[in-house]
Structure formats: structure tokens, C-alpha cells
């Protein structure tokens, strides 16, 4: 049996996923969490009870005001004998994908994936195999193609915060870096995107799919 924990802030989504997994004899949902903090507590409880840790954590990325999926993934994969983390979300921008992969996610699927594709991905993740939805794989491949801007994970983080309208000082506090470092990253971002302002940088990033349109 492959044991699975479901992490999503929508009860209806968790209920649907549980119903799907319960129909498959080799997959067993063993827990649910509405956000990252609850997921971490759940795994701590598994350990405290002497229960085997789950094989796979099926993780949403954005979960309201709770701990988001990337940070939860980072903390889960830092645990001793960590579970495989399979991202299941509606978001497929470069920033989302790169952040999840950098955090240690084994795979990345979109929520419109067919049930058989999801089941196959869970089995593969349990074996330690990397699983990427076709649009996600295409996005990653596109980063290596000539003519498409290639930004670092940190530059993408700064772009996301620019899109939220944060000034340099708030960006530096959010990312725990100096304002001078923020300005240096902005110079590189402007150069890579061929722009000369914050507004143009955000517009170009949205147009090319580097960050989500707002």
C-alpha cells in the first residue's frame, strides 16, 4: 500500500481526492490537513504514535492565510526519512514551479490532471521518481530556449513582490536581504527583461508567464 496525506485548504477538494484514492486498492489516504502548519503537526503526530510516515504528501501551493505549499515542502523534505512531496495545484508559472522544485518537491501536477495520471504520479513519487505535468515540463524546457528570459529563483521572488506593489525596503525585509541587494537584483531583472522600470518589469514578466497575472 502507498499511504498518502492530502494538504489543501478546500475541504471539497480534499473530499474529492480522498474518494478518488479510496477507489484504488494500492493507494490509501491516511490523513488530511488544511494548511502547511497542520500538515507538519500531522506528521509529528505520526512519529509520536510510532506510525510509519506517509509515503507521499499531495500538496497544494496556495492555502489562504496558512503556511503555503513551498515553505511546507521545504520543511517536510528536511525531516529525517521525509515523504515524497507531490505538488497538485492550479498554478504553473515559472516562479511557482521553480520555487517548488527548489524546495524539494518530487513532482508537480495541475489540478485538471485526469484521475489515472494523478494515480500514476503518486505511484511514481512513492518510488522517488520525478513527475511533471506536460505543461510544467514544457515551461521548464522553455527556460532553456533562446529568446526566453531566464531568471533565478531569487529574481522571480522579487518580481512577485514587485507585482504586489512592495517597495524595495519591504522587499528586503520580506526576503531578509539588504536594500542594496534588492537594487542589484532589479538591475539584473531589468537587463534580462529588456525594461527600465518596475511597472514594465512586472508587465513583461506576466506577459511571458514568469509570474501570475493579477
C-alpha atoms as a PDB file:
ATOM      1  CA  UNK A   1       0.000   0.000   0.000  1.00  0.00           C
ATOM      2  CA  UNK A   2       1.105   3.554  -0.750  1.00  0.00           C
ATOM      3  CA  UNK A   3      -0.002   5.892   2.038  1.00  0.00           C
ATOM      4  CA  UNK A   4      -0.948   9.471   1.155  1.00  0.00           C
ATOM      5  CA  UNK A   5      -1.584  12.664   3.145  1.00  0.00           C
ATOM      6  CA  UNK A   6      -3.743  15.336   1.478  1.00  0.00           C
ATOM      7  CA  UNK A   7      -2.890  19.012   2.068  1.00  0.00           C
ATOM      8  CA  UNK A   8      -5.337  21.547   0.625  1.00  0.00           C
ATOM      9  CA  UNK A   9      -7.281  24.423   2.157  1.00  0.00           C
ATOM     10  CA  UNK A  10     -10.519  23.474   0.376  1.00  0.00           C
ATOM     11  CA  UNK A  11     -12.494  20.707   2.146  1.00  0.00           C
ATOM     12  CA  UNK A  12     -14.331  19.863  -1.076  1.00  0.00           C
ATOM     13  CA  UNK A  13     -11.032  19.247  -2.879  1.00  0.00           C
ATOM     14  CA  UNK A  14      -9.743  17.034  -0.053  1.00  0.00           C
ATOM     15  CA  UNK A  15     -13.001  15.098  -0.005  1.00  0.00           C
ATOM     16  CA  UNK A  16     -12.846  14.519  -3.752  1.00  0.00           C
ATOM     17  CA  UNK A  17      -9.218  13.401  -3.634  1.00  0.00           C
ATOM     18  CA  UNK A  18      -9.924  11.047  -0.747  1.00  0.00           C
ATOM     19  CA  UNK A  19     -12.851   9.499  -2.615  1.00  0.00           C
ATOM     20  CA  UNK A  20     -10.669   9.020  -5.687  1.00  0.00           C
ATOM     21  CA  UNK A  21      -7.812   7.401  -3.765  1.00  0.00           C
ATOM     22  CA  UNK A  22     -10.137   5.121  -1.810  1.00  0.00           C
ATOM     23  CA  UNK A  23     -11.307   3.623  -5.102  1.00  0.00           C
ATOM     24  CA  UNK A  24      -7.760   2.455  -5.872  1.00  0.00           C
ATOM     25  CA  UNK A  25      -6.695  -0.616  -3.897  1.00  0.00           C
ATOM     26  CA  UNK A  26      -2.978   0.240  -3.763  1.00  0.00           C
ATOM     27  CA  UNK A  27      -3.423   3.851  -2.546  1.00  0.00           C
ATOM     28  CA  UNK A  28      -4.517   4.690   0.991  1.00  0.00           C
ATOM     29  CA  UNK A  29      -5.289   8.224   2.251  1.00  0.00           C
ATOM     30  CA  UNK A  30      -4.118   8.316   5.874  1.00  0.00           C
ATOM     31  CA  UNK A  31      -4.545  11.974   6.798  1.00  0.00           C
ATOM     32  CA  UNK A  32      -5.645  15.444   5.759  1.00  0.00           C
ATOM     33  CA  UNK A  33      -4.501  18.987   6.524  1.00  0.00           C
ATOM     34  CA  UNK A  34      -5.895  22.393   5.600  1.00  0.00           C
ATOM     35  CA  UNK A  35      -2.509  24.163   5.563  1.00  0.00           C
ATOM     36  CA  UNK A  36       1.206  23.608   5.964  1.00  0.00           C
ATOM     37  CA  UNK A  37       1.374  24.043   9.726  1.00  0.00           C
ATOM     38  CA  UNK A  38      -1.357  21.440  10.191  1.00  0.00           C
ATOM     39  CA  UNK A  39       0.461  19.082   7.823  1.00  0.00           C
ATOM     40  CA  UNK A  40       3.675  19.364   9.847  1.00  0.00           C
ATOM     41  CA  UNK A  41       1.787  18.721  13.087  1.00  0.00           C
ATOM     42  CA  UNK A  42       0.152  15.706  11.493  1.00  0.00           C
ATOM     43  CA  UNK A  43       3.485  14.169  10.562  1.00  0.00           C
ATOM     44  CA  UNK A  44       4.819  14.902  14.049  1.00  0.00           C
ATOM     45  CA  UNK A  45       1.817  13.015  15.430  1.00  0.00           C
ATOM     46  CA  UNK A  46       2.583  10.065  13.151  1.00  0.00           C
ATOM     47  CA  UNK A  47       6.071   9.922  14.646  1.00  0.00           C
ATOM     48  CA  UNK A  48       4.812  10.347  18.219  1.00  0.00           C
ATOM     49  CA  UNK A  49       2.337   7.490  17.742  1.00  0.00           C
ATOM     50  CA  UNK A  50       5.025   5.252  16.261  1.00  0.00           C
ATOM     51  CA  UNK A  51       3.177   5.066  12.939  1.00  0.00           C
ATOM     52  CA  UNK A  52       5.134   4.828   9.675  1.00  0.00           C
ATOM     53  CA  UNK A  53       5.429   8.170   7.969  1.00  0.00           C
ATOM     54  CA  UNK A  54       3.255   8.535   4.849  1.00  0.00           C
ATOM     55  CA  UNK A  55       4.832   7.685   1.520  1.00  0.00           C
ATOM     56  CA  UNK A  56       3.519  10.726  -0.342  1.00  0.00           C
ATOM     57  CA  UNK A  57       2.180  14.149   0.621  1.00  0.00           C
ATOM     58  CA  UNK A  58      -0.148  15.599  -2.011  1.00  0.00           C
ATOM     59  CA  UNK A  59       0.363  19.343  -1.603  1.00  0.00           C
ATOM     60  CA  UNK A  60      -1.456  22.451  -2.816  1.00  0.00           C
ATOM     61  CA  UNK A  61       0.666  25.592  -3.276  1.00  0.00           C
ATOM     62  CA  UNK A  62      -1.522  28.498  -2.166  1.00  0.00           C
ATOM     63  CA  UNK A  63      -3.523  27.873   1.013  1.00  0.00           C
ATOM     64  CA  UNK A  64      -5.170  31.080   2.134  1.00  0.00           C
ATOM     65  CA  UNK A  65      -3.512  32.700   5.126  1.00  0.00           C
ATOM     66  CA  UNK A  66      -1.864  29.476   6.295  1.00  0.00           C
ATOM     67  CA  UNK A  67       1.665  28.275   5.592  1.00  0.00           C
ATOM     68  CA  UNK A  68       1.982  27.978   1.812  1.00  0.00           C
ATOM     69  CA  UNK A  69       2.984  24.862  -0.051  1.00  0.00           C
ATOM     70  CA  UNK A  70       6.568  25.828  -0.918  1.00  0.00           C
ATOM     71  CA  UNK A  71       7.595  26.502   2.691  1.00  0.00           C
ATOM     72  CA  UNK A  72       5.771  23.368   3.841  1.00  0.00           C
ATOM     73  CA  UNK A  73       7.565  21.338   1.184  1.00  0.00           C
ATOM     74  CA  UNK A  74      10.909  22.762   2.297  1.00  0.00           C
ATOM     75  CA  UNK A  75      10.224  21.768   5.912  1.00  0.00           C
ATOM     76  CA  UNK A  76       8.853  18.345   5.071  1.00  0.00           C
ATOM     77  CA  UNK A  77      11.788  17.393   2.871  1.00  0.00           C
ATOM     78  CA  UNK A  78      14.178  18.470   5.643  1.00  0.00           C
ATOM     79  CA  UNK A  79      12.732  15.861   8.012  1.00  0.00           C
ATOM     80  CA  UNK A  80      14.566  12.583   8.670  1.00  0.00           C
ATOM     81  CA  UNK A  81      13.276   9.961   6.213  1.00  0.00           C
ATOM     82  CA  UNK A  82      10.970  12.514   4.538  1.00  0.00           C
ATOM     83  CA  UNK A  83       7.907  11.654   2.474  1.00  0.00           C
ATOM     84  CA  UNK A  84       7.823  12.425  -1.226  1.00  0.00           C
ATOM     85  CA  UNK A  85       6.008  15.707  -1.866  1.00  0.00           C
ATOM     86  CA  UNK A  86       3.857  15.867  -4.971  1.00  0.00           C
ATOM     87  CA  UNK A  87       2.523  19.341  -5.788  1.00  0.00           C
ATOM     88  CA  UNK A  88      -1.080  19.398  -7.032  1.00  0.00           C
ATOM     89  CA  UNK A  89      -2.165  22.928  -7.880  1.00  0.00           C
ATOM     90  CA  UNK A  90      -3.736  25.276 -10.423  1.00  0.00           C
ATOM     91  CA  UNK A  91      -0.578  27.417 -10.699  1.00  0.00           C
ATOM     92  CA  UNK A  92       2.029  26.810 -13.399  1.00  0.00           C
ATOM     93  CA  UNK A  93       4.182  29.925 -13.671  1.00  0.00           C
ATOM     94  CA  UNK A  94       7.966  29.760 -13.640  1.00  0.00           C
ATOM     95  CA  UNK A  95       8.003  31.263 -10.143  1.00  0.00           C
ATOM     96  CA  UNK A  96       5.643  28.608  -8.770  1.00  0.00           C
ATOM     97  CA  UNK A  97       7.378  25.690 -10.460  1.00  0.00           C
ATOM     98  CA  UNK A  98      10.930  26.734  -9.653  1.00  0.00           C
ATOM     99  CA  UNK A  99      10.100  27.539  -6.045  1.00  0.00           C
ATOM    100  CA  UNK A 100       8.501  24.121  -5.533  1.00  0.00           C
ATOM    101  CA  UNK A 101      11.350  22.267  -7.225  1.00  0.00           C
ATOM    102  CA  UNK A 102      13.945  24.247  -5.265  1.00  0.00           C
ATOM    103  CA  UNK A 103      12.090  23.342  -2.055  1.00  0.00           C
ATOM    104  CA  UNK A 104      12.452  19.633  -2.834  1.00  0.00           C
ATOM    105  CA  UNK A 105       9.157  18.619  -4.451  1.00  0.00           C
ATOM    106  CA  UNK A 106       9.347  15.264  -6.230  1.00  0.00           C
ATOM    107  CA  UNK A 107       6.687  16.182  -8.755  1.00  0.00           C
ATOM    108  CA  UNK A 108       4.349  18.909  -9.975  1.00  0.00           C
ATOM    109  CA  UNK A 109       0.860  18.269 -11.360  1.00  0.00           C
ATOM    110  CA  UNK A 110      -2.018  20.546 -12.257  1.00  0.00           C
ATOM    111  CA  UNK A 111      -5.463  20.006 -10.763  1.00  0.00           C
ATOM    112  CA  UNK A 112      -7.008  19.368 -14.158  1.00  0.00           C
ATOM    113  CA  UNK A 113      -4.933  16.181 -14.498  1.00  0.00           C
ATOM    114  CA  UNK A 114      -7.024  13.057 -15.277  1.00  0.00           C
ATOM    115  CA  UNK A 115      -7.501  10.660 -12.325  1.00  0.00           C
ATOM    116  CA  UNK A 116      -5.333   7.975 -13.943  1.00  0.00           C
ATOM    117  CA  UNK A 117      -2.499  10.489 -14.410  1.00  0.00           C
ATOM    118  CA  UNK A 118      -2.722  11.517 -10.756  1.00  0.00           C
ATOM    119  CA  UNK A 119      -2.704   7.906  -9.565  1.00  0.00           C
ATOM    120  CA  UNK A 120       0.293   7.118 -11.758  1.00  0.00           C
ATOM    121  CA  UNK A 121       2.117  10.197 -10.457  1.00  0.00           C
ATOM    122  CA  UNK A 122       1.541   9.176  -6.831  1.00  0.00           C
ATOM    123  CA  UNK A 123       2.944   5.711  -7.537  1.00  0.00           C
ATOM    124  CA  UNK A 124       5.981   7.227  -9.260  1.00  0.00           C
ATOM    125  CA  UNK A 125       6.557   9.746  -6.468  1.00  0.00           C
ATOM    126  CA  UNK A 126       6.458   6.948  -3.901  1.00  0.00           C
ATOM    127  CA  UNK A 127       9.341   5.334  -5.809  1.00  0.00           C
ATOM    128  CA  UNK A 128      11.305   8.597  -5.737  1.00  0.00           C
ATOM    129  CA  UNK A 129      10.746   9.312  -9.414  1.00  0.00           C
ATOM    130  CA  UNK A 130      10.283  12.865 -10.723  1.00  0.00           C
ATOM    131  CA  UNK A 131       6.833  13.579 -12.160  1.00  0.00           C
ATOM    132  CA  UNK A 132       5.974  16.696 -14.147  1.00  0.00           C
ATOM    133  CA  UNK A 133       2.700  17.541 -15.862  1.00  0.00           C
ATOM    134  CA  UNK A 134       3.250  18.132 -19.611  1.00  0.00           C
ATOM    135  CA  UNK A 135       2.597  21.919 -19.360  1.00  0.00           C
ATOM    136  CA  UNK A 136       5.039  22.135 -16.455  1.00  0.00           C
ATOM    137  CA  UNK A 137       7.716  20.170 -18.306  1.00  0.00           C
ATOM    138  CA  UNK A 138       7.215  22.430 -21.322  1.00  0.00           C
ATOM    139  CA  UNK A 139       7.588  25.502 -19.108  1.00  0.00           C
ATOM    140  CA  UNK A 140      10.873  24.245 -17.680  1.00  0.00           C
ATOM    141  CA  UNK A 141      12.113  23.306 -21.147  1.00  0.00           C
ATOM    142  CA  UNK A 142      11.166  26.748 -22.420  1.00  0.00           C
ATOM    143  CA  UNK A 143      13.505  28.347 -19.906  1.00  0.00           C
ATOM    144  CA  UNK A 144      16.456  26.877 -21.762  1.00  0.00           C
ATOM    145  CA  UNK A 145      15.343  28.050 -25.193  1.00  0.00           C
ATOM    146  CA  UNK A 146      16.968  31.087 -26.842  1.00  0.00           C
ATOM    147  CA  UNK A 147      14.971  34.299 -26.596  1.00  0.00           C
ATOM    148  CA  UNK A 148      13.178  33.470 -23.345  1.00  0.00           C
ATOM    149  CA  UNK A 149      14.365  35.344 -20.227  1.00  0.00           C
ATOM    150  CA  UNK A 150      15.949  33.055 -17.646  1.00  0.00           C
ATOM    151  CA  UNK A 151      15.650  34.445 -14.127  1.00  0.00           C
ATOM    152  CA  UNK A 152      16.990  32.969 -10.925  1.00  0.00           C
ATOM    153  CA  UNK A 153      14.588  31.815  -8.180  1.00  0.00           C
ATOM    154  CA  UNK A 154      15.522  34.920  -6.131  1.00  0.00           C
ATOM    155  CA  UNK A 155      14.837  37.229  -9.086  1.00  0.00           C
ATOM    156  CA  UNK A 156      11.453  35.568  -9.570  1.00  0.00           C
ATOM    157  CA  UNK A 157      10.661  36.078  -5.886  1.00  0.00           C
ATOM    158  CA  UNK A 158      11.463  39.767  -6.214  1.00  0.00           C
ATOM    159  CA  UNK A 159       9.288  40.039  -9.321  1.00  0.00           C
ATOM    160  CA  UNK A 160       6.362  38.504  -7.431  1.00  0.00           C
ATOM    161  CA  UNK A 161       6.802  41.082  -4.667  1.00  0.00           C
ATOM    162  CA  UNK A 162       7.074  43.881  -7.232  1.00  0.00           C
ATOM    163  CA  UNK A 163       3.747  42.716  -8.620  1.00  0.00           C
ATOM    164  CA  UNK A 164       2.287  43.065  -5.117  1.00  0.00           C
ATOM    165  CA  UNK A 165       3.420  46.698  -5.146  1.00  0.00           C
ATOM    166  CA  UNK A 166       6.048  46.375  -2.404  1.00  0.00           C
ATOM    167  CA  UNK A 167       8.807  48.997  -2.266  1.00  0.00           C
ATOM    168  CA  UNK A 168      12.463  47.973  -2.016  1.00  0.00           C
ATOM    169  CA  UNK A 169      12.546  48.336   1.768  1.00  0.00           C
ATOM    170  CA  UNK A 170       9.622  45.953   2.289  1.00  0.00           C
ATOM    171  CA  UNK A 171      11.050  43.501  -0.251  1.00  0.00           C
ATOM    172  CA  UNK A 172      14.349  43.478   1.636  1.00  0.00           C
ATOM    173  CA  UNK A 173      12.564  42.782   4.926  1.00  0.00           C
ATOM    174  CA  UNK A 174      10.391  40.055   3.383  1.00  0.00           C
ATOM    175  CA  UNK A 175      13.394  38.260   1.881  1.00  0.00           C
ATOM    176  CA  UNK A 176      15.866  39.057   4.697  1.00  0.00           C
ATOM    177  CA  UNK A 177      18.313  40.765   2.367  1.00  0.00           C
ATOM    178  CA  UNK A 178      19.639  44.337   2.188  1.00  0.00           C
ATOM    179  CA  UNK A 179      18.075  47.077   0.086  1.00  0.00           C
ATOM    180  CA  UNK A 180      21.324  47.270  -1.863  1.00  0.00           C
ATOM    181  CA  UNK A 181      20.972  43.596  -2.770  1.00  0.00           C
ATOM    182  CA  UNK A 182      17.388  44.193  -3.880  1.00  0.00           C
ATOM    183  CA  UNK A 183      18.579  47.027  -6.146  1.00  0.00           C
ATOM    184  CA  UNK A 184      21.291  44.795  -7.613  1.00  0.00           C
ATOM    185  CA  UNK A 185      18.728  42.096  -8.390  1.00  0.00           C
ATOM    186  CA  UNK A 186      16.469  44.726 -10.003  1.00  0.00           C
ATOM    187  CA  UNK A 187      19.283  45.824 -12.298  1.00  0.00           C
ATOM    188  CA  UNK A 188      19.726  42.212 -13.429  1.00  0.00           C
ATOM    189  CA  UNK A 189      15.966  41.734 -13.828  1.00  0.00           C
ATOM    190  CA  UNK A 190      15.603  44.894 -15.932  1.00  0.00           C
ATOM    191  CA  UNK A 191      18.520  43.818 -18.109  1.00  0.00           C
ATOM    192  CA  UNK A 192      17.156  40.303 -18.676  1.00  0.00           C
ATOM    193  CA  UNK A 193      13.640  41.537 -19.464  1.00  0.00           C
ATOM    194  CA  UNK A 194      14.814  44.494 -21.551  1.00  0.00           C
ATOM    195  CA  UNK A 195      12.895  47.056 -19.476  1.00  0.00           C
ATOM    196  CA  UNK A 196      13.769  50.135 -17.433  1.00  0.00           C
ATOM    197  CA  UNK A 197      11.090  50.358 -14.750  1.00  0.00           C
ATOM    198  CA  UNK A 198       9.326  48.303 -12.078  1.00  0.00           C
ATOM    199  CA  UNK A 199       5.984  48.541 -13.854  1.00  0.00           C
ATOM    200  CA  UNK A 200       7.456  47.423 -17.171  1.00  0.00           C
ATOM    201  CA  UNK A 201       9.250  44.549 -15.463  1.00  0.00           C
ATOM    202  CA  UNK A 202       6.013  43.268 -13.916  1.00  0.00           C
ATOM    203  CA  UNK A 203       4.131  43.644 -17.213  1.00  0.00           C
ATOM    204  CA  UNK A 204       6.850  41.795 -19.156  1.00  0.00           C
ATOM    205  CA  UNK A 205       7.011  39.016 -16.562  1.00  0.00           C
ATOM    206  CA  UNK A 206       3.254  38.490 -16.692  1.00  0.00           C
ATOM    207  CA  UNK A 207       3.226  38.539 -20.476  1.00  0.00           C
ATOM    208  CA  UNK A 208       5.883  35.832 -20.684  1.00  0.00           C
ATOM    209  CA  UNK A 209       4.317  33.729 -17.939  1.00  0.00           C
ATOM    210  CA  UNK A 210       7.172  34.184 -15.464  1.00  0.00           C
ATOM    211  CA  UNK A 211       4.691  35.264 -12.792  1.00  0.00           C
ATOM    212  CA  UNK A 212       0.906  35.066 -12.454  1.00  0.00           C
ATOM    213  CA  UNK A 213      -1.247  37.793 -13.913  1.00  0.00           C
ATOM    214  CA  UNK A 214      -3.124  39.630 -11.171  1.00  0.00           C
END
